[in-house]
Amino acid sequence: MKTQSESKMMDVAKSSYLVIVMALLGVFAFISAVLIAWPALAYIASKLFL
């Protein structure tokens, strides 16, 4: 049977793992969005500044 401290440590480990996974997915989503939108952003910027 697990003690209360072991249970808390497992919860902390699971939540920190979840935070790391969410952060990596967020970075991947941001980079993907920028790369997908880059041609449109470049086109709009060229029309605005030239």
PDB file of N, CA and C in Angstrom:
ATOM      1  N   MET A   1       0.837  -1.184   0.000  1.00  0.00           N
ATOM      2  CA  MET A   1       0.000   0.000   0.000  1.00  0.00           C
ATOM      3  C   MET A   1       0.883   1.249   0.000  1.00  0.00           C
ATOM      4  N   LYS A   2       0.520   2.199  -0.844  1.00  0.00           N
ATOM      5  CA  LYS A   2       1.319   3.410  -0.959  1.00  0.00           C
ATOM      6  C   LYS A   2       1.072   4.334   0.221  1.00  0.00           C
ATOM      7  N   THR A   3       2.128   4.988   0.610  1.00  0.00           N
ATOM      8  CA  THR A   3       1.963   5.984   1.659  1.00  0.00           C
ATOM      9  C   THR A   3       1.492   7.283   1.036  1.00  0.00           C
ATOM     10  N   GLN A   4       1.136   8.218   1.870  1.00  0.00           N
ATOM     11  CA  GLN A   4       0.620   9.486   1.371  1.00  0.00           C
ATOM     12  C   GLN A   4       1.710  10.280   0.645  1.00  0.00           C
ATOM     13  N   SER A   5       2.946  10.214   1.134  1.00  0.00           N
ATOM     14  CA  SER A   5       4.020  10.957   0.473  1.00  0.00           C
ATOM     15  C   SER A   5       4.340  10.357  -0.894  1.00  0.00           C
ATOM     16  N   GLU A   6       4.290   9.036  -1.015  1.00  0.00           N
ATOM     17  CA  GLU A   6       4.516   8.408  -2.318  1.00  0.00           C
ATOM     18  C   GLU A   6       3.433   8.812  -3.301  1.00  0.00           C
ATOM     19  N   SER A   7       2.207   8.883  -2.834  1.00  0.00           N
ATOM     20  CA  SER A   7       1.105   9.280  -3.700  1.00  0.00           C
ATOM     21  C   SER A   7       1.278  10.725  -4.161  1.00  0.00           C
ATOM     22  N   LYS A   8       1.697  11.602  -3.239  1.00  0.00           N
ATOM     23  CA  LYS A   8       1.922  13.000  -3.621  1.00  0.00           C
ATOM     24  C   LYS A   8       3.063  13.113  -4.617  1.00  0.00           C
ATOM     25  N   MET A   9       4.125  12.339  -4.423  1.00  0.00           N
ATOM     26  CA  MET A   9       5.249  12.390  -5.353  1.00  0.00           C
ATOM     27  C   MET A   9       4.827  11.925  -6.742  1.00  0.00           C
ATOM     28  N   MET A  10       3.988  10.909  -6.809  1.00  0.00           N
ATOM     29  CA  MET A  10       3.501  10.431  -8.104  1.00  0.00           C
ATOM     30  C   MET A  10       2.634  11.500  -8.768  1.00  0.00           C
ATOM     31  N   ASP A  11       1.798  12.177  -7.997  1.00  0.00           N
ATOM     32  CA  ASP A  11       0.965  13.244  -8.553  1.00  0.00           C
ATOM     33  C   ASP A  11       1.824  14.382  -9.093  1.00  0.00           C
ATOM     34  N   VAL A  12       2.868  14.736  -8.349  1.00  0.00           N
ATOM     35  CA  VAL A  12       3.763  15.801  -8.807  1.00  0.00           C
ATOM     36  C   VAL A  12       4.476  15.376 -10.082  1.00  0.00           C
ATOM     37  N   ALA A  13       4.931  14.135 -10.139  1.00  0.00           N
ATOM     38  CA  ALA A  13       5.622  13.641 -11.324  1.00  0.00           C
ATOM     39  C   ALA A  13       4.686  13.634 -12.528  1.00  0.00           C
ATOM     40  N   LYS A  14       3.461  13.195 -12.322  1.00  0.00           N
ATOM     41  CA  LYS A  14       2.501  13.158 -13.429  1.00  0.00           C
ATOM     42  C   LYS A  14       2.161  14.563 -13.907  1.00  0.00           C
ATOM     43  N   SER A  15       1.974  15.493 -12.974  1.00  0.00           N
ATOM     44  CA  SER A  15       1.605  16.842 -13.375  1.00  0.00           C
ATOM     45  C   SER A  15       2.780  17.550 -14.037  1.00  0.00           C
ATOM     46  N   SER A  16       4.001  17.329 -13.566  1.00  0.00           N
ATOM     47  CA  SER A  16       5.147  17.963 -14.215  1.00  0.00           C
ATOM     48  C   SER A  16       5.366  17.372 -15.611  1.00  0.00           C
ATOM     49  N   TYR A  17       5.145  16.080 -15.768  1.00  0.00           N
ATOM     50  CA  TYR A  17       5.227  15.456 -17.091  1.00  0.00           C
ATOM     51  C   TYR A  17       4.185  16.068 -18.027  1.00  0.00           C
ATOM     52  N   LEU A  18       2.985  16.275 -17.512  1.00  0.00           N
ATOM     53  CA  LEU A  18       1.920  16.862 -18.317  1.00  0.00           C
ATOM     54  C   LEU A  18       2.277  18.290 -18.718  1.00  0.00           C
ATOM     55  N   VAL A  19       2.858  19.052 -17.812  1.00  0.00           N
ATOM     56  CA  VAL A  19       3.253  20.422 -18.123  1.00  0.00           C
ATOM     57  C   VAL A  19       4.333  20.432 -19.202  1.00  0.00           C
ATOM     58  N   ILE A  20       5.295  19.538 -19.111  1.00  0.00           N
ATOM     59  CA  ILE A  20       6.363  19.474 -20.109  1.00  0.00           C
ATOM     60  C   ILE A  20       5.795  19.104 -21.477  1.00  0.00           C
ATOM     61  N   VAL A  21       4.912  18.129 -21.514  1.00  0.00           N
ATOM     62  CA  VAL A  21       4.311  17.710 -22.789  1.00  0.00           C
ATOM     63  C   VAL A  21       3.485  18.845 -23.388  1.00  0.00           C
ATOM     64  N   MET A  22       2.711  19.530 -22.558  1.00  0.00           N
ATOM     65  CA  MET A  22       1.886  20.640 -23.048  1.00  0.00           C
ATOM     66  C   MET A  22       2.766  21.781 -23.565  1.00  0.00           C
ATOM     67  N   ALA A  23       3.873  22.056 -22.873  1.00  0.00           N
ATOM     68  CA  ALA A  23       4.770  23.116 -23.319  1.00  0.00           C
ATOM     69  C   ALA A  23       5.397  22.763 -24.662  1.00  0.00           C
ATOM     70  N   LEU A  24       5.828  21.516 -24.823  1.00  0.00           N
ATOM     71  CA  LEU A  24       6.416  21.098 -26.101  1.00  0.00           C
ATOM     72  C   LEU A  24       5.388  21.168 -27.230  1.00  0.00           C
ATOM     73  N   LEU A  25       4.171  20.750 -26.952  1.00  0.00           N
ATOM     74  CA  LEU A  25       3.131  20.830 -27.973  1.00  0.00           C
ATOM     75  C   LEU A  25       2.805  22.283 -28.314  1.00  0.00           C
ATOM     76  N   GLY A  26       2.841  23.156 -27.325  1.00  0.00           N
ATOM     77  CA  GLY A  26       2.597  24.570 -27.574  1.00  0.00           C
ATOM     78  C   GLY A  26       3.669  25.186 -28.453  1.00  0.00           C
ATOM     79  N   VAL A  27       4.919  24.844 -28.182  1.00  0.00           N
ATOM     80  CA  VAL A  27       6.027  25.349 -29.008  1.00  0.00           C
ATOM     81  C   VAL A  27       5.892  24.821 -30.430  1.00  0.00           C
ATOM     82  N   PHE A  28       5.578  23.536 -30.558  1.00  0.00           N
ATOM     83  CA  PHE A  28       5.390  22.954 -31.889  1.00  0.00           C
ATOM     84  C   PHE A  28       4.239  23.638 -32.630  1.00  0.00           C
ATOM     85  N   ALA A  29       3.136  23.902 -31.940  1.00  0.00           N
ATOM     86  CA  ALA A  29       1.991  24.561 -32.576  1.00  0.00           C
ATOM     87  C   ALA A  29       2.341  25.982 -33.004  1.00  0.00           C
ATOM     88  N   PHE A  30       3.083  26.697 -32.175  1.00  0.00           N
ATOM     89  CA  PHE A  30       3.474  28.066 -32.516  1.00  0.00           C
ATOM     90  C   PHE A  30       4.375  28.087 -33.733  1.00  0.00           C
ATOM     91  N   ILE A  31       5.371  27.218 -33.752  1.00  0.00           N
ATOM     92  CA  ILE A  31       6.298  27.170 -34.893  1.00  0.00           C
ATOM     93  C   ILE A  31       5.557  26.754 -36.161  1.00  0.00           C
ATOM     94  N   SER A  32       4.663  25.787 -36.037  1.00  0.00           N
ATOM     95  CA  SER A  32       3.894  25.349 -37.211  1.00  0.00           C
ATOM     96  C   SER A  32       3.016  26.472 -37.739  1.00  0.00           C
ATOM     97  N   ALA A  33       2.377  27.204 -36.843  1.00  0.00           N
ATOM     98  CA  ALA A  33       1.508  28.303 -37.276  1.00  0.00           C
ATOM     99  C   ALA A  33       2.308  29.389 -37.977  1.00  0.00           C
ATOM    100  N   VAL A  34       3.471  29.713 -37.459  1.00  0.00           N
ATOM    101  CA  VAL A  34       4.305  30.740 -38.092  1.00  0.00           C
ATOM    102  C   VAL A  34       4.772  30.270 -39.463  1.00  0.00           C
ATOM    103  N   LEU A  35       5.219  29.019 -39.555  1.00  0.00           N
ATOM    104  CA  LEU A  35       5.699  28.522 -40.843  1.00  0.00           C
ATOM    105  C   LEU A  35       4.584  28.426 -41.874  1.00  0.00           C
ATOM    106  N   ILE A  36       3.382  28.071 -41.434  1.00  0.00           N
ATOM    107  CA  ILE A  36       2.263  27.979 -42.375  1.00  0.00           C
ATOM    108  C   ILE A  36       1.823  29.371 -42.825  1.00  0.00           C
ATOM    109  N   ALA A  37       1.809  30.334 -41.905  1.00  0.00           N
ATOM    110  CA  ALA A  37       1.320  31.672 -42.222  1.00  0.00           C
ATOM    111  C   ALA A  37       2.394  32.567 -42.826  1.00  0.00           C
ATOM    112  N   TRP A  38       3.653  32.117 -42.868  1.00  0.00           N
ATOM    113  CA  TRP A  38       4.734  32.986 -43.312  1.00  0.00           C
ATOM    114  C   TRP A  38       4.536  33.554 -44.718  1.00  0.00           C
ATOM    115  N   PRO A  39       4.142  32.781 -45.714  1.00  0.00           N
ATOM    116  CA  PRO A  39       3.945  33.387 -47.049  1.00  0.00           C
ATOM    117  C   PRO A  39       2.890  34.494 -47.049  1.00  0.00           C
ATOM    118  N   ALA A  40       1.802  34.287 -46.334  1.00  0.00           N
ATOM    119  CA  ALA A  40       0.761  35.309 -46.288  1.00  0.00           C
ATOM    120  C   ALA A  40       1.250  36.545 -45.544  1.00  0.00           C
ATOM    121  N   LEU A  41       1.963  36.341 -44.453  1.00  0.00           N
ATOM    122  CA  LEU A  41       2.496  37.479 -43.709  1.00  0.00           C
ATOM    123  C   LEU A  41       3.511  38.257 -44.536  1.00  0.00           C
ATOM    124  N   ALA A  42       4.352  37.551 -45.265  1.00  0.00           N
ATOM    125  CA  ALA A  42       5.334  38.214 -46.114  1.00  0.00           C
ATOM    126  C   ALA A  42       4.645  39.004 -47.235  1.00  0.00           C
ATOM    127  N   TYR A  43       3.594  38.446 -47.799  1.00  0.00           N
ATOM    128  CA  TYR A  43       2.856  39.131 -48.863  1.00  0.00           C
ATOM    129  C   TYR A  43       2.197  40.397 -48.332  1.00  0.00           C
ATOM    130  N   ILE A  44       1.545  40.282 -47.188  1.00  0.00           N
ATOM    131  CA  ILE A  44       0.874  41.453 -46.595  1.00  0.00           C
ATOM    132  C   ILE A  44       1.904  42.524 -46.232  1.00  0.00           C
ATOM    133  N   ALA A  45       3.021  42.120 -45.661  1.00  0.00           N
ATOM    134  CA  ALA A  45       4.055  43.079 -45.290  1.00  0.00           C
ATOM    135  C   ALA A  45       4.629  43.771 -46.515  1.00  0.00           C
ATOM    136  N   SER A  46       4.800  43.027 -47.606  1.00  0.00           N
ATOM    137  CA  SER A  46       5.340  43.649 -48.827  1.00  0.00           C
ATOM    138  C   SER A  46       4.365  44.660 -49.398  1.00  0.00           C
ATOM    139  N   LYS A  47       3.073  44.410 -49.286  1.00  0.00           N
ATOM    140  CA  LYS A  47       2.084  45.360 -49.793  1.00  0.00           C
ATOM    141  C   LYS A  47       1.993  46.585 -48.884  1.00  0.00           C
ATOM    142  N   LEU A  48       2.190  46.415 -47.588  1.00  0.00           N
ATOM    143  CA  LEU A  48       2.084  47.535 -46.664  1.00  0.00           C
ATOM    144  C   LEU A  48       3.289  48.476 -46.740  1.00  0.00           C
ATOM    145  N   PHE A  49       4.483  47.900 -46.883  1.00  0.00           N
ATOM    146  CA  PHE A  49       5.689  48.698 -46.770  1.00  0.00           C
ATOM    147  C   PHE A  49       6.270  49.123 -48.118  1.00  0.00           C
ATOM    148  N   LEU A  50       5.757  48.612 -49.205  1.00  0.00           N
ATOM    149  CA  LEU A  50       6.289  48.997 -50.509  1.00  0.00           C
ATOM    150  C   LEU A  50       5.259  49.702 -51.349  1.00  0.00           C
TER     151      LEU A  50
END
